[in-house]
Structures are given as structure tokens and as C-alpha cells.
Amino acid sequence: WQLRSADVDLHGHVNNAVYLDYLDEHYLDTADDCHALPAPRRYQAEFIASAEPGTKLSGHMWRDGPAWCYRLEDEARNELLRARIETDPANWVGG
């Protein structure tokens, strides 16, 4: 998807909270695809770089045991965010 202008602050940077919104959106999309996923319990995130306005972004999510890993990158495949969501299987969403 393309970076939305509303996601960029007055200094021309993407706020880290916006990256976490992207992560949540991607996780919820995955929940829709899988019909049920554990609710997020803890986030670990490494903010690597800020995207420029108009940048095309790509998010990738995969499972790692009870956790989910996420990588956000720009169209040149530069990593912008690396994150991990720890889940509690007893607290399911979806399905």
C-alpha cells in the first residue's frame, strides 16, 4: 500500500505509533484469513527507519511458534520496522 499523507508528521517522518497501527491492521487481516488468532499480549518492535511521504510499503507477517513476526519494508526492500507479537492462545479473537 502507499503511505498515507495523514501518517506523516510535520517533520516529514512517520510516527512510530503509525507503524504499530500498520502492524495491528496486518495482524487483524491475518486473523480474518485464519478465522481465529490469539489476541496480542505483548509487542516487541524495532523501529529502523522512517518512510518518506508517497512511499509504497509492504508488510510481511509469519508465525514463529506462539508468536507472530512482522517486517515492514519500502519498495526498495529497505527494512523500516521489525516486530514480534507475543500471544495468549487462551484469549482468541475472530472465528
PDB file of N, CA and C in Angstrom:
ATOM      1  N   TRP A   1       0.840  -1.175   0.000  1.00  0.00           N
ATOM      2  CA  TRP A   1       0.000   0.000   0.000  1.00  0.00           C
ATOM      3  C   TRP A   1       0.871   1.218   0.000  1.00  0.00           C
ATOM      4  N   GLN A   2       0.264   2.359  -0.270  1.00  0.00           N
ATOM      5  CA  GLN A   2       1.028   3.605  -0.314  1.00  0.00           C
ATOM      6  C   GLN A   2       0.855   4.350   1.001  1.00  0.00           C
ATOM      7  N   LEU A   3       1.951   4.909   1.476  1.00  0.00           N
ATOM      8  CA  LEU A   3       1.948   5.683   2.711  1.00  0.00           C
ATOM      9  C   LEU A   3       0.937   6.818   2.579  1.00  0.00           C
ATOM     10  N   ARG A   4       0.059   6.931   3.538  1.00  0.00           N
ATOM     11  CA  ARG A   4      -0.957   7.973   3.541  1.00  0.00           C
ATOM     12  C   ARG A   4      -0.361   9.280   4.063  1.00  0.00           C
ATOM     13  N   SER A   5      -0.757  10.401   3.480  1.00  0.00           N
ATOM     14  CA  SER A   5      -0.216  11.691   3.909  1.00  0.00           C
ATOM     15  C   SER A   5      -0.548  11.968   5.364  1.00  0.00           C
ATOM     16  N   ALA A   6      -1.675  11.473   5.857  1.00  0.00           N
ATOM     17  CA  ALA A   6      -2.056  11.678   7.257  1.00  0.00           C
ATOM     18  C   ALA A   6      -1.129  10.931   8.225  1.00  0.00           C
ATOM     19  N   ASP A   7      -0.349   9.983   7.707  1.00  0.00           N
ATOM     20  CA  ASP A   7       0.560   9.204   8.560  1.00  0.00           C
ATOM     21  C   ASP A   7       1.904   9.903   8.773  1.00  0.00           C
ATOM     22  N   VAL A   8       2.108  11.031   8.123  1.00  0.00           N
ATOM     23  CA  VAL A   8       3.386  11.743   8.189  1.00  0.00           C
ATOM     24  C   VAL A   8       3.231  12.963   9.091  1.00  0.00           C
ATOM     25  N   ASP A   9       4.194  13.157  10.005  1.00  0.00           N
ATOM     26  CA  ASP A   9       4.129  14.299  10.917  1.00  0.00           C
ATOM     27  C   ASP A   9       4.655  15.567  10.252  1.00  0.00           C
ATOM     28  N   LEU A  10       4.690  16.657  10.995  1.00  0.00           N
ATOM     29  CA  LEU A  10       5.116  17.950  10.453  1.00  0.00           C
ATOM     30  C   LEU A  10       6.576  17.970  10.017  1.00  0.00           C
ATOM     31  N   HIS A  11       7.376  17.042  10.517  1.00  0.00           N
ATOM     32  CA  HIS A  11       8.784  16.957  10.145  1.00  0.00           C
ATOM     33  C   HIS A  11       9.020  16.038   8.950  1.00  0.00           C
ATOM     34  N   GLY A  12       7.931  15.498   8.384  1.00  0.00           N
ATOM     35  CA  GLY A  12       8.049  14.626   7.221  1.00  0.00           C
ATOM     36  C   GLY A  12       8.416  13.199   7.565  1.00  0.00           C
ATOM     37  N   HIS A  13       8.180  12.800   8.820  1.00  0.00           N
ATOM     38  CA  HIS A  13       8.501  11.444   9.264  1.00  0.00           C
ATOM     39  C   HIS A  13       7.229  10.690   9.641  1.00  0.00           C
ATOM     40  N   VAL A  14       7.301   9.389   9.530  1.00  0.00           N
ATOM     41  CA  VAL A  14       6.207   8.549  10.004  1.00  0.00           C
ATOM     42  C   VAL A  14       6.422   8.318  11.490  1.00  0.00           C
ATOM     43  N   ASN A  15       5.397   8.631  12.274  1.00  0.00           N
ATOM     44  CA  ASN A  15       5.456   8.424  13.708  1.00  0.00           C
ATOM     45  C   ASN A  15       5.487   6.923  13.997  1.00  0.00           C
ATOM     46  N   ASN A  16       6.226   6.516  15.029  1.00  0.00           N
ATOM     47  CA  ASN A  16       6.323   5.098  15.371  1.00  0.00           C
ATOM     48  C   ASN A  16       4.963   4.493  15.695  1.00  0.00           C
ATOM     49  N   ALA A  17       4.059   5.283  16.260  1.00  0.00           N
ATOM     50  CA  ALA A  17       2.718   4.776  16.566  1.00  0.00           C
ATOM     51  C   ALA A  17       1.984   4.375  15.284  1.00  0.00           C
ATOM     52  N   VAL A  18       2.254   5.067  14.186  1.00  0.00           N
ATOM     53  CA  VAL A  18       1.634   4.719  12.901  1.00  0.00           C
ATOM     54  C   VAL A  18       2.122   3.339  12.457  1.00  0.00           C
ATOM     55  N   TYR A  19       3.404   3.067  12.633  1.00  0.00           N
ATOM     56  CA  TYR A  19       3.927   1.744  12.284  1.00  0.00           C
ATOM     57  C   TYR A  19       3.212   0.662  13.087  1.00  0.00           C
ATOM     58  N   LEU A  20       2.941   0.935  14.362  1.00  0.00           N
ATOM     59  CA  LEU A  20       2.223  -0.049  15.175  1.00  0.00           C
ATOM     60  C   LEU A  20       0.783  -0.205  14.694  1.00  0.00           C
ATOM     61  N   ASP A  21       0.178   0.878  14.199  1.00  0.00           N
ATOM     62  CA  ASP A  21      -1.154   0.759  13.593  1.00  0.00           C
ATOM     63  C   ASP A  21      -1.103  -0.167  12.381  1.00  0.00           C
ATOM     64  N   TYR A  22      -0.080  -0.018  11.543  1.00  0.00           N
ATOM     65  CA  TYR A  22       0.082  -0.902  10.383  1.00  0.00           C
ATOM     66  C   TYR A  22       0.194  -2.357  10.844  1.00  0.00           C
ATOM     67  N   LEU A  23       0.993  -2.572  11.891  1.00  0.00           N
ATOM     68  CA  LEU A  23       1.179  -3.916  12.433  1.00  0.00           C
ATOM     69  C   LEU A  23      -0.159  -4.489  12.892  1.00  0.00           C
ATOM     70  N   ASP A  24      -0.928  -3.713  13.651  1.00  0.00           N
ATOM     71  CA  ASP A  24      -2.234  -4.185  14.118  1.00  0.00           C
ATOM     72  C   ASP A  24      -3.168  -4.486  12.953  1.00  0.00           C
ATOM     73  N   GLU A  25      -3.194  -3.605  11.954  1.00  0.00           N
ATOM     74  CA  GLU A  25      -4.054  -3.824  10.794  1.00  0.00           C
ATOM     75  C   GLU A  25      -3.687  -5.122  10.082  1.00  0.00           C
ATOM     76  N   HIS A  26      -2.397  -5.353   9.922  1.00  0.00           N
ATOM     77  CA  HIS A  26      -1.943  -6.566   9.236  1.00  0.00           C
ATOM     78  C   HIS A  26      -2.305  -7.800  10.063  1.00  0.00           C
ATOM     79  N   TYR A  27      -2.131  -7.714  11.391  1.00  0.00           N
ATOM     80  CA  TYR A  27      -2.477  -8.846  12.258  1.00  0.00           C
ATOM     81  C   TYR A  27      -3.968  -9.151  12.181  1.00  0.00           C
ATOM     82  N   LEU A  28      -4.801  -8.110  12.202  1.00  0.00           N
ATOM     83  CA  LEU A  28      -6.243  -8.329  12.118  1.00  0.00           C
ATOM     84  C   LEU A  28      -6.638  -8.890  10.759  1.00  0.00           C
ATOM     85  N   ASP A  29      -5.968  -8.470   9.683  1.00  0.00           N
ATOM     86  CA  ASP A  29      -6.207  -9.059   8.362  1.00  0.00           C
ATOM     87  C   ASP A  29      -5.851 -10.533   8.374  1.00  0.00           C
ATOM     88  N   THR A  30      -4.757 -10.879   9.046  1.00  0.00           N
ATOM     89  CA  THR A  30      -4.347 -12.278   9.165  1.00  0.00           C
ATOM     90  C   THR A  30      -5.395 -13.054   9.953  1.00  0.00           C
ATOM     91  N   ALA A  31      -5.940 -12.425  10.994  1.00  0.00           N
ATOM     92  CA  ALA A  31      -6.995 -13.076  11.781  1.00  0.00           C
ATOM     93  C   ALA A  31      -8.205 -13.367  10.907  1.00  0.00           C
ATOM     94  N   ASP A  32      -8.563 -12.427  10.028  1.00  0.00           N
ATOM     95  CA  ASP A  32      -9.678 -12.651   9.109  1.00  0.00           C
ATOM     96  C   ASP A  32      -9.397 -13.825   8.186  1.00  0.00           C
ATOM     97  N   ASP A  33      -8.142 -13.915   7.704  1.00  0.00           N
ATOM     98  CA  ASP A  33      -7.761 -15.003   6.811  1.00  0.00           C
ATOM     99  C   ASP A  33      -7.727 -16.346   7.534  1.00  0.00           C
ATOM    100  N   CYS A  34      -7.304 -16.340   8.792  1.00  0.00           N
ATOM    101  CA  CYS A  34      -7.165 -17.585   9.564  1.00  0.00           C
ATOM    102  C   CYS A  34      -8.416 -17.909  10.371  1.00  0.00           C
ATOM    103  N   HIS A  35      -9.363 -16.979  10.423  1.00  0.00           N
ATOM    104  CA  HIS A  35     -10.634 -17.124  11.137  1.00  0.00           C
ATOM    105  C   HIS A  35     -10.504 -16.987  12.646  1.00  0.00           C
ATOM    106  N   ALA A  36      -9.361 -17.236  13.225  1.00  0.00           N
ATOM    107  CA  ALA A  36      -9.192 -17.066  14.670  1.00  0.00           C
ATOM    108  C   ALA A  36      -7.707 -17.017  14.992  1.00  0.00           C
ATOM    109  N   LEU A  37      -7.340 -16.030  15.763  1.00  0.00           N
ATOM    110  CA  LEU A  37      -5.957 -15.897  16.219  1.00  0.00           C
ATOM    111  C   LEU A  37      -5.957 -15.466  17.675  1.00  0.00           C
ATOM    112  N   PRO A  38      -4.919 -15.801  18.411  1.00  0.00           N
ATOM    113  CA  PRO A  38      -4.839 -15.305  19.789  1.00  0.00           C
ATOM    114  C   PRO A  38      -4.748 -13.786  19.801  1.00  0.00           C
ATOM    115  N   ALA A  39      -5.358 -13.170  20.803  1.00  0.00           N
ATOM    116  CA  ALA A  39      -5.260 -11.726  20.951  1.00  0.00           C
ATOM    117  C   ALA A  39      -3.822 -11.348  21.297  1.00  0.00           C
ATOM    118  N   PRO A  40      -3.331 -10.247  20.750  1.00  0.00           N
ATOM    119  CA  PRO A  40      -1.968  -9.807  21.091  1.00  0.00           C
ATOM    120  C   PRO A  40      -1.831  -9.572  22.588  1.00  0.00           C
ATOM    121  N   ARG A  41      -0.698  -9.991  23.135  1.00  0.00           N
ATOM    122  CA  ARG A  41      -0.429  -9.824  24.565  1.00  0.00           C
ATOM    123  C   ARG A  41       0.716  -8.853  24.797  1.00  0.00           C
ATOM    124  N   ARG A  42       1.762  -8.973  23.977  1.00  0.00           N
ATOM    125  CA  ARG A  42       2.920  -8.094  24.121  1.00  0.00           C
ATOM    126  C   ARG A  42       3.549  -7.859  22.755  1.00  0.00           C
ATOM    127  N   TYR A  43       3.964  -6.619  22.539  1.00  0.00           N
ATOM    128  CA  TYR A  43       4.641  -6.235  21.303  1.00  0.00           C
ATOM    129  C   TYR A  43       6.110  -5.967  21.605  1.00  0.00           C
ATOM    130  N   GLN A  44       6.965  -6.424  20.723  1.00  0.00           N
ATOM    131  CA  GLN A  44       8.378  -6.044  20.727  1.00  0.00           C
ATOM    132  C   GLN A  44       8.642  -5.474  19.344  1.00  0.00           C
ATOM    133  N   ALA A  45       9.117  -4.238  19.298  1.00  0.00           N
ATOM    134  CA  ALA A  45       9.294  -3.597  17.997  1.00  0.00           C
ATOM    135  C   ALA A  45      10.607  -2.853  17.933  1.00  0.00           C
ATOM    136  N   GLU A  46      11.233  -2.949  16.779  1.00  0.00           N
ATOM    137  CA  GLU A  46      12.456  -2.202  16.499  1.00  0.00           C
ATOM    138  C   GLU A  46      12.160  -1.292  15.311  1.00  0.00           C
ATOM    139  N   PHE A  47      12.148   0.004  15.582  1.00  0.00           N
ATOM    140  CA  PHE A  47      11.888   0.993  14.544  1.00  0.00           C
ATOM    141  C   PHE A  47      13.221   1.323  13.877  1.00  0.00           C
ATOM    142  N   ILE A  48      13.356   0.945  12.624  1.00  0.00           N
ATOM    143  CA  ILE A  48      14.642   1.022  11.937  1.00  0.00           C
ATOM    144  C   ILE A  48      14.788   2.295  11.114  1.00  0.00           C
ATOM    145  N   ALA A  49      13.761   2.672  10.395  1.00  0.00           N
ATOM    146  CA  ALA A  49      13.839   3.863   9.543  1.00  0.00           C
ATOM    147  C   ALA A  49      12.441   4.416   9.318  1.00  0.00           C
ATOM    148  N   SER A  50      12.375   5.669   8.939  1.00  0.00           N
ATOM    149  CA  SER A  50      11.109   6.317   8.642  1.00  0.00           C
ATOM    150  C   SER A  50      10.876   6.334   7.133  1.00  0.00           C
ATOM    151  N   ALA A  51       9.651   6.093   6.750  1.00  0.00           N
ATOM    152  CA  ALA A  51       9.284   6.143   5.336  1.00  0.00           C
ATOM    153  C   ALA A  51       9.050   7.585   4.921  1.00  0.00           C
ATOM    154  N   GLU A  52       9.299   7.862   3.677  1.00  0.00           N
ATOM    155  CA  GLU A  52       9.065   9.188   3.104  1.00  0.00           C
ATOM    156  C   GLU A  52       7.622   9.270   2.592  1.00  0.00           C
ATOM    157  N   PRO A  53       7.037  10.467   2.556  1.00  0.00           N
ATOM    158  CA  PRO A  53       5.692  10.603   2.000  1.00  0.00           C
ATOM    159  C   PRO A  53       5.627  10.033   0.580  1.00  0.00           C
ATOM    160  N   GLY A  54       4.562   9.305   0.288  1.00  0.00           N
ATOM    161  CA  GLY A  54       4.377   8.707  -1.027  1.00  0.00           C
ATOM    162  C   GLY A  54       5.048   7.357  -1.206  1.00  0.00           C
ATOM    163  N   THR A  55       5.788   6.895  -0.201  1.00  0.00           N
ATOM    164  CA  THR A  55       6.482   5.611  -0.284  1.00  0.00           C
ATOM    165  C   THR A  55       5.469   4.466  -0.347  1.00  0.00           C
ATOM    166  N   LYS A  56       5.757   3.497  -1.194  1.00  0.00           N
ATOM    167  CA  LYS A  56       4.949   2.287  -1.235  1.00  0.00           C
ATOM    168  C   LYS A  56       5.517   1.321  -0.205  1.00  0.00           C
ATOM    169  N   LEU A  57       4.636   0.775   0.626  1.00  0.00           N
ATOM    170  CA  LEU A  57       5.042  -0.089   1.729  1.00  0.00           C
ATOM    171  C   LEU A  57       4.542  -1.506   1.522  1.00  0.00           C
ATOM    172  N   SER A  58       5.255  -2.429   2.121  1.00  0.00           N
ATOM    173  CA  SER A  58       4.872  -3.834   2.075  1.00  0.00           C
ATOM    174  C   SER A  58       5.097  -4.433   3.454  1.00  0.00           C
ATOM    175  N   GLY A  59       4.074  -5.084   3.984  1.00  0.00           N
ATOM    176  CA  GLY A  59       4.194  -5.738   5.286  1.00  0.00           C
ATOM    177  C   GLY A  59       4.140  -7.243   5.114  1.00  0.00           C
ATOM    178  N   HIS A  60       4.964  -7.930   5.873  1.00  0.00           N
ATOM    179  CA  HIS A  60       5.038  -9.394   5.815  1.00  0.00           C
ATOM    180  C   HIS A  60       4.890  -9.937   7.229  1.00  0.00           C
ATOM    181  N   MET A  61       3.995 -10.896   7.411  1.00  0.00           N
ATOM    182  CA  MET A  61       3.757 -11.479   8.726  1.00  0.00           C
ATOM    183  C   MET A  61       3.870 -12.989   8.627  1.00  0.00           C
ATOM    184  N   TRP A  62       4.504 -13.597   9.641  1.00  0.00           N
ATOM    185  CA  TRP A  62       4.635 -15.048   9.680  1.00  0.00           C
ATOM    186  C   TRP A  62       4.629 -15.506  11.125  1.00  0.00           C
ATOM    187  N   ARG A  63       4.283 -16.763  11.287  1.00  0.00           N
ATOM    188  CA  ARG A  63       4.187 -17.354  12.619  1.00  0.00           C
ATOM    189  C   ARG A  63       5.529 -17.911  13.049  1.00  0.00           C
ATOM    190  N   ASP A  64       5.831 -17.741  14.337  1.00  0.00           N
ATOM    191  CA  ASP A  64       7.046 -18.281  14.960  1.00  0.00           C
ATOM    192  C   ASP A  64       6.634 -18.870  16.303  1.00  0.00           C
ATOM    193  N   GLY A  65       6.179 -20.134  16.282  1.00  0.00           N
ATOM    194  CA  GLY A  65       5.651 -20.752  17.497  1.00  0.00           C
ATOM    195  C   GLY A  65       4.384 -20.030  17.923  1.00  0.00           C
ATOM    196  N   PRO A  66       4.273 -19.659  19.209  1.00  0.00           N
ATOM    197  CA  PRO A  66       3.073 -18.951  19.666  1.00  0.00           C
ATOM    198  C   PRO A  66       3.093 -17.463  19.325  1.00  0.00           C
ATOM    199  N   ALA A  67       4.167 -16.987  18.741  1.00  0.00           N
ATOM    200  CA  ALA A  67       4.304 -15.566  18.411  1.00  0.00           C
ATOM    201  C   ALA A  67       4.157 -15.355  16.908  1.00  0.00           C
ATOM    202  N   TRP A  68       3.959 -14.098  16.530  1.00  0.00           N
ATOM    203  CA  TRP A  68       3.900 -13.693  15.127  1.00  0.00           C
ATOM    204  C   TRP A  68       4.976 -12.654  14.892  1.00  0.00           C
ATOM    205  N   CYS A  69       5.690 -12.779  13.790  1.00  0.00           N
ATOM    206  CA  CYS A  69       6.741 -11.827  13.428  1.00  0.00           C
ATOM    207  C   CYS A  69       6.235 -10.963  12.276  1.00  0.00           C
ATOM    208  N   TYR A  70       6.772  -9.750  12.213  1.00  0.00           N
ATOM    209  CA  TYR A  70       6.320  -8.799  11.212  1.00  0.00           C
ATOM    210  C   TYR A  70       7.511  -7.997  10.716  1.00  0.00           C
ATOM    211  N   ARG A  71       7.496  -7.725   9.434  1.00  0.00           N
ATOM    212  CA  ARG A  71       8.522  -6.895   8.809  1.00  0.00           C
ATOM    213  C   ARG A  71       7.818  -5.925   7.874  1.00  0.00           C
ATOM    214  N   LEU A  72       8.127  -4.639   8.030  1.00  0.00           N
ATOM    215  CA  LEU A  72       7.604  -3.606   7.151  1.00  0.00           C
ATOM    216  C   LEU A  72       8.769  -3.079   6.342  1.00  0.00           C
ATOM    217  N   GLU A  73       8.578  -2.992   5.029  1.00  0.00           N
ATOM    218  CA  GLU A  73       9.669  -2.523   4.168  1.00  0.00           C
ATOM    219  C   GLU A  73       9.121  -1.596   3.100  1.00  0.00           C
ATOM    220  N   ASP A  74      10.030  -0.805   2.517  1.00  0.00           N
ATOM    221  CA  ASP A  74       9.637   0.077   1.418  1.00  0.00           C
ATOM    222  C   ASP A  74       9.809  -0.656   0.097  1.00  0.00           C
ATOM    223  N   GLU A  75       9.513   0.037  -1.004  1.00  0.00           N
ATOM    224  CA  GLU A  75       9.543  -0.615  -2.317  1.00  0.00           C
ATOM    225  C   GLU A  75      10.943  -1.058  -2.741  1.00  0.00           C
ATOM    226  N   ALA A  76      11.984  -0.481  -2.125  1.00  0.00           N
ATOM    227  CA  ALA A  76      13.360  -0.908  -2.406  1.00  0.00           C
ATOM    228  C   ALA A  76      13.782  -2.045  -1.477  1.00  0.00           C
ATOM    229  N   ARG A  77      12.835  -2.561  -0.697  1.00  0.00           N
ATOM    230  CA  ARG A  77      13.042  -3.656   0.261  1.00  0.00           C
ATOM    231  C   ARG A  77      13.914  -3.247   1.447  1.00  0.00           C
ATOM    232  N   ASN A  78      13.969  -1.940   1.731  1.00  0.00           N
ATOM    233  CA  ASN A  78      14.656  -1.465   2.931  1.00  0.00           C
ATOM    234  C   ASN A  78      13.747  -1.711   4.124  1.00  0.00           C
ATOM    235  N   GLU A  79      14.289  -2.313   5.142  1.00  0.00           N
ATOM    236  CA  GLU A  79      13.513  -2.626   6.335  1.00  0.00           C
ATOM    237  C   GLU A  79      13.250  -1.349   7.131  1.00  0.00           C
ATOM    238  N   LEU A  80      11.975  -1.136   7.490  1.00  0.00           N
ATOM    239  CA  LEU A  80      11.580   0.036   8.255  1.00  0.00           C
ATOM    240  C   LEU A  80      11.205  -0.329   9.687  1.00  0.00           C
ATOM    241  N   LEU A  81      10.603  -1.494   9.859  1.00  0.00           N
ATOM    242  CA  LEU A  81      10.150  -1.959  11.164  1.00  0.00           C
ATOM    243  C   LEU A  81      10.305  -3.464  11.235  1.00  0.00           C
ATOM    244  N   ARG A  82      10.766  -3.921  12.369  1.00  0.00           N
ATOM    245  CA  ARG A  82      10.844  -5.352  12.669  1.00  0.00           C
ATOM    246  C   ARG A  82      10.118  -5.527  13.998  1.00  0.00           C
ATOM    247  N   ALA A  83       9.144  -6.445  14.041  1.00  0.00           N
ATOM    248  CA  ALA A  83       8.351  -6.579  15.260  1.00  0.00           C
ATOM    249  C   ALA A  83       7.978  -8.028  15.520  1.00  0.00           C
ATOM    250  N   ARG A  84       7.588  -8.264  16.753  1.00  0.00           N
ATOM    251  CA  ARG A  84       7.151  -9.587  17.196  1.00  0.00           C
ATOM    252  C   ARG A  84       5.941  -9.372  18.106  1.00  0.00           C
ATOM    253  N   ILE A  85       4.902 -10.148  17.877  1.00  0.00           N
ATOM    254  CA  ILE A  85       3.714 -10.105  18.717  1.00  0.00           C
ATOM    255  C   ILE A  85       3.657 -11.412  19.493  1.00  0.00           C
ATOM    256  N   GLU A  86       3.723 -11.302  20.804  1.00  0.00           N
ATOM    257  CA  GLU A  86       3.523 -12.481  21.644  1.00  0.00           C
ATOM    258  C   GLU A  86       2.033 -12.583  21.925  1.00  0.00           C
ATOM    259  N   THR A  87       1.516 -13.789  21.877  1.00  0.00           N
ATOM    260  CA  THR A  87       0.075 -14.001  22.007  1.00  0.00           C
ATOM    261  C   THR A  87      -0.231 -14.919  23.181  1.00  0.00           C
ATOM    262  N   ASP A  88      -1.489 -14.887  23.581  1.00  0.00           N
ATOM    263  CA  ASP A  88      -2.004 -15.765  24.625  1.00  0.00           C
ATOM    264  C   ASP A  88      -3.072 -16.644  23.981  1.00  0.00           C
ATOM    265  N   PRO A  89      -2.735 -17.897  23.681  1.00  0.00           N
ATOM    266  CA  PRO A  89      -3.699 -18.773  22.995  1.00  0.00           C
ATOM    267  C   PRO A  89      -5.026 -18.927  23.731  1.00  0.00           C
ATOM    268  N   ALA A  90      -5.065 -18.640  25.032  1.00  0.00           N
ATOM    269  CA  ALA A  90      -6.313 -18.754  25.788  1.00  0.00           C
ATOM    270  C   ALA A  90      -7.266 -17.606  25.489  1.00  0.00           C
ATOM    271  N   ASN A  91      -6.778 -16.573  24.800  1.00  0.00           N
ATOM    272  CA  ASN A  91      -7.586 -15.376  24.543  1.00  0.00           C
ATOM    273  C   ASN A  91      -7.694 -15.166  23.034  1.00  0.00           C
ATOM    274  N   TRP A  92      -8.607 -15.875  22.387  1.00  0.00           N
ATOM    275  CA  TRP A  92      -8.720 -15.861  20.933  1.00  0.00           C
ATOM    276  C   TRP A  92      -9.592 -14.735  20.438  1.00  0.00           C
ATOM    277  N   VAL A  93      -9.263 -14.228  19.237  1.00  0.00           N
ATOM    278  CA  VAL A  93     -10.116 -13.267  18.547  1.00  0.00           C
ATOM    279  C   VAL A  93     -10.542 -13.885  17.234  1.00  0.00           C
ATOM    280  N   GLY A  94     -11.598 -13.398  16.665  1.00  0.00           N
ATOM    281  CA  GLY A  94     -12.061 -13.925  15.385  1.00  0.00           C
ATOM    282  C   GLY A  94     -12.837 -15.216  15.584  1.00  0.00           C
ATOM    283  N   GLY A  95     -12.968 -15.960  14.462  1.00  0.00           N
ATOM    284  CA  GLY A  95     -13.546 -17.273  14.458  1.00  0.00           C
ATOM    285  C   GLY A  95     -14.948 -17.332  14.899  1.00  0.00           C
TER     286      GLY A  95
END
